[in-house]
Protein backbone atom coordinates (compact mmCIF):
# COMPACT_ATOMS: atom_id res chain seq x y z
CA MET A 1 -73.96 217.02 -155.57
CA LYS A 2 -75.77 213.76 -154.75
CA ARG A 3 -73.84 212.08 -157.49
CA ILE A 4 -70.48 213.14 -155.98
CA VAL A 5 -71.53 211.98 -152.51
CA LEU A 6 -72.71 208.64 -153.99
CA ILE A 7 -69.41 208.12 -155.87
CA GLY A 8 -67.49 208.95 -152.67
CA ILE A 9 -69.47 206.35 -150.69
CA ILE A 10 -68.95 203.72 -153.35
CA ALA A 11 -65.23 204.45 -153.48
CA LEU A 12 -64.98 204.20 -149.64
CA PHE A 13 -66.79 200.79 -149.65
CA THR A 14 -64.60 199.53 -152.48
CA VAL A 15 -61.39 200.42 -150.57
CA LEU A 16 -62.72 198.82 -147.37
CA ALA A 17 -63.72 195.65 -149.22
CA ILE A 18 -60.19 194.98 -150.49
CA PRO A 19 -58.63 192.48 -148.15
CA ALA A 20 -55.26 193.39 -146.61
CA GLN A 21 -52.25 191.46 -147.79
CA GLU A 22 -51.33 188.87 -145.22
CA ILE A 23 -48.46 186.50 -144.82
CA ASN A 24 -49.65 182.92 -144.02
CA TRP A 25 -48.14 182.74 -140.55
CA VAL A 26 -47.93 179.23 -139.00
CA SER A 27 -46.49 177.87 -135.84
CA LEU A 28 -43.03 176.29 -135.81
CA ASP A 29 -44.53 172.84 -135.34
CA GLU A 30 -46.82 173.47 -138.36
CA ALA A 31 -43.96 174.70 -140.47
CA ILE A 32 -41.87 171.61 -139.73
CA ALA A 33 -44.81 169.31 -140.52
CA LEU A 34 -45.44 171.24 -143.82
CA GLN A 35 -41.74 170.91 -144.69
CA LYS A 36 -42.17 167.08 -144.62
CA LYS A 37 -44.81 167.29 -147.36
CA ASN A 38 -43.42 170.19 -149.35
CA PRO A 39 -39.83 171.23 -148.49
CA LYS A 40 -39.40 175.00 -148.18
CA LYS A 41 -37.22 177.15 -145.97
CA ILE A 42 -38.58 178.83 -142.84
CA MET A 43 -38.54 182.54 -142.21
CA MET A 44 -39.03 183.20 -138.52
CA ASP A 45 -39.92 186.65 -137.20
CA VAL A 46 -38.41 186.77 -133.68
CA TYR A 47 -40.11 189.73 -131.97
CA THR A 48 -41.29 191.06 -128.66
CA ASN A 49 -44.62 192.77 -127.68
CA TRP A 50 -42.83 195.97 -126.54
CA CYS A 51 -40.48 196.42 -129.53
CA GLY A 52 -41.30 199.45 -131.72
CA PRO A 53 -39.18 198.35 -134.69
CA CYS A 54 -40.90 194.89 -134.51
CA LYS A 55 -44.24 196.61 -134.94
CA LEU A 56 -42.94 198.66 -137.83
CA LEU A 57 -41.51 195.53 -139.53
CA ASP A 58 -44.87 193.87 -139.21
CA LYS A 59 -46.85 196.92 -140.43
CA ASN A 60 -44.52 198.18 -143.25
CA THR A 61 -42.67 195.10 -144.49
CA PHE A 62 -44.76 192.05 -143.62
CA HIS A 63 -47.88 193.71 -145.12
CA ASN A 64 -46.12 194.73 -148.34
CA LYS A 65 -47.65 193.01 -151.30
CA ASP A 66 -44.33 191.99 -152.84
CA VAL A 67 -43.04 190.55 -149.56
CA VAL A 68 -46.36 188.81 -148.84
CA ASP A 69 -46.49 187.20 -152.27
CA TYR A 70 -42.88 186.09 -152.22
CA VAL A 71 -42.89 184.73 -148.69
CA ASN A 72 -46.20 182.90 -149.16
CA GLU A 73 -44.86 181.22 -152.32
CA HIS A 74 -41.34 180.30 -151.20
CA TYR A 75 -41.27 180.10 -147.40
CA TYR A 76 -43.09 178.91 -144.33
CA ALA A 77 -43.48 181.99 -142.16
CA VAL A 78 -43.32 181.69 -138.31
CA LYS A 79 -43.77 184.39 -135.69
CA PHE A 80 -42.04 183.74 -132.42
CA ASN A 81 -42.35 185.93 -129.34
CA ALA A 82 -38.80 186.00 -128.03
CA GLU A 83 -40.04 186.75 -124.45
CA GLY A 84 -43.25 184.72 -124.53
CA ASN A 85 -44.13 181.64 -122.60
CA ASP A 86 -44.85 179.07 -125.31
CA VAL A 87 -43.27 175.66 -124.97
CA VAL A 88 -41.17 174.91 -128.07
CA ASN A 89 -40.01 171.47 -129.06
CA PHE A 90 -37.21 171.70 -131.62
CA ASP A 91 -34.30 169.53 -132.68
CA GLY A 92 -35.17 167.00 -129.99
CA LYS A 93 -35.10 169.54 -127.22
CA LYS A 94 -37.76 171.27 -125.13
CA PHE A 95 -37.49 175.03 -124.70
CA GLU A 96 -39.47 177.11 -122.22
CA ASN A 97 -39.27 180.43 -120.45
CA PRO A 98 -38.99 179.71 -116.79
CA GLY A 99 -38.43 183.40 -115.91
CA TYR A 100 -41.60 184.52 -117.72
CA LYS A 101 -43.82 186.92 -115.78
CA PRO A 102 -47.40 187.30 -117.00
CA GLU A 103 -47.62 190.80 -115.54
CA ASN A 104 -44.81 191.83 -117.91
CA ALA A 105 -46.45 190.33 -121.05
CA ASN A 106 -46.35 193.71 -122.86
CA ARG A 107 -43.07 194.98 -121.31
CA ARG A 108 -39.57 193.61 -121.12
CA ASN A 109 -39.70 190.07 -119.91
CA SER A 110 -37.31 187.13 -119.58
CA ALA A 111 -35.78 185.89 -122.83
CA HIS A 112 -37.17 182.52 -123.89
CA GLN A 113 -34.71 179.62 -123.90
CA PHE A 114 -35.41 179.12 -127.65
CA THR A 115 -34.44 182.74 -128.26
CA ARG A 116 -31.07 182.02 -126.67
CA PHE A 117 -30.72 178.77 -128.63
CA LEU A 118 -31.19 180.83 -131.79
CA LYS A 119 -28.55 183.29 -130.55
CA VAL A 120 -30.94 186.18 -130.90
CA ASN A 121 -29.97 189.18 -128.82
CA ALA A 122 -31.72 192.04 -130.65
CA TYR A 123 -35.24 192.65 -131.82
CA PRO A 124 -36.54 192.24 -134.36
CA THR A 125 -34.43 189.48 -135.83
CA ILE A 126 -35.52 187.39 -138.85
CA VAL A 127 -34.12 183.85 -138.53
CA PHE A 128 -33.88 181.77 -141.70
CA LEU A 129 -33.81 177.96 -141.47
CA ASP A 130 -33.21 175.55 -144.28
CA GLU A 131 -35.46 172.63 -145.28
CA GLU A 132 -33.85 170.53 -142.54
CA GLN A 133 -34.36 173.23 -139.86
CA LYS A 134 -30.68 174.14 -139.84
CA MET A 135 -29.86 177.84 -139.24
CA ILE A 136 -28.98 179.69 -142.38
CA ALA A 137 -28.68 183.12 -140.81
CA PRO A 138 -30.23 185.54 -138.38
CA ILE A 139 -30.85 188.99 -139.88
CA ARG A 140 -30.98 191.59 -137.15
CA GLY A 141 -32.96 194.81 -137.12
CA TYR A 142 -35.78 196.46 -139.05
CA GLN A 143 -35.75 195.54 -142.79
CA LYS A 144 -37.55 197.52 -145.44
CA PRO A 145 -39.15 195.41 -148.22
CA LYS A 146 -36.18 195.98 -150.62
CA GLN A 147 -33.70 195.11 -147.88
CA LEU A 148 -35.50 191.97 -146.96
CA GLU A 149 -35.88 191.00 -150.65
CA LEU A 150 -32.09 190.55 -150.87
CA TYR A 151 -32.05 187.92 -148.12
CA LEU A 152 -35.33 186.23 -149.24
CA LYS A 153 -33.90 185.68 -152.74
CA LEU A 154 -30.38 184.87 -151.60
CA PHE A 155 -31.55 182.14 -149.25
CA LYS A 156 -34.29 180.83 -151.58
CA SER A 157 -31.75 180.37 -154.44
CA ASP A 158 -29.13 178.78 -152.17
CA GLU A 159 -26.55 181.17 -153.53
CA TYR A 160 -25.41 181.83 -150.01
CA LYS A 161 -23.90 178.38 -149.90
CA SER A 162 -21.19 179.40 -152.37
CA MET A 163 -20.31 182.61 -150.51
CA THR A 164 -17.31 181.85 -148.42
CA THR A 165 -16.02 185.35 -147.88
CA GLN A 166 -17.32 188.81 -146.97
CA GLU A 167 -16.10 189.99 -150.38
CA ALA A 168 -18.33 187.42 -152.14
CA PHE A 169 -21.35 188.71 -150.19
CA ASN A 170 -20.40 192.31 -150.91
CA THR A 171 -20.28 191.56 -154.64
CA TYR A 172 -23.69 189.94 -154.47
CA PHE A 173 -25.03 192.91 -152.52
CA GLU A 174 -23.55 195.45 -154.99
CA ASN A 175 -24.99 193.59 -158.06
CA PHE A 176 -28.41 192.87 -156.53
CA LYS A 177 -31.25 194.68 -158.30
CA PRO A 178 -34.29 194.85 -156.03
CA GLU A 179 -37.68 194.47 -157.63
CA PHE A 180 -39.93 194.92 -154.57
CA LYS A 181 -41.51 198.34 -153.93
CA ASP A 182 -40.96 199.77 -150.47
CA SER A 183 -44.58 200.91 -150.09
CA GLN A 184 -47.85 199.38 -151.18
């Protein structure tokens, strides 16, 4: 009996000692500075504090080992609170949230000017920017790892540049073979 308890305790400590998979999140300023040294695209999680699907995206997708590994290798990852009060300097412009109310920090608040600039009107939205900080596409809504994989690989490979019709995207979508696992 003591042996079983000892094995259980060792197993518990082993599981607790394994570090959680984490995406290397950086600020937008840091991502832009990093792009100058090593060009990569930017994946920006545009979220709010009150958004349930945003929390699920973070928990289920952004902690998935396949997603973490792929994003960390091929992208600079940025989290942006769409209703926060950070000052953002981007593309020669300064963006703020003049309607921000601190008492509403964890409830609906005013949309940030940068959120409007990105044309984000639903949360979560994952905004992809190229190596020159030009918008590739905003991907709206909760994405499972396999769903996000399609966009991560499409934008990384630059195949999207040759897709000029909905039919071309549909063909890509139909032929895409996901490799990521939805749970890990």
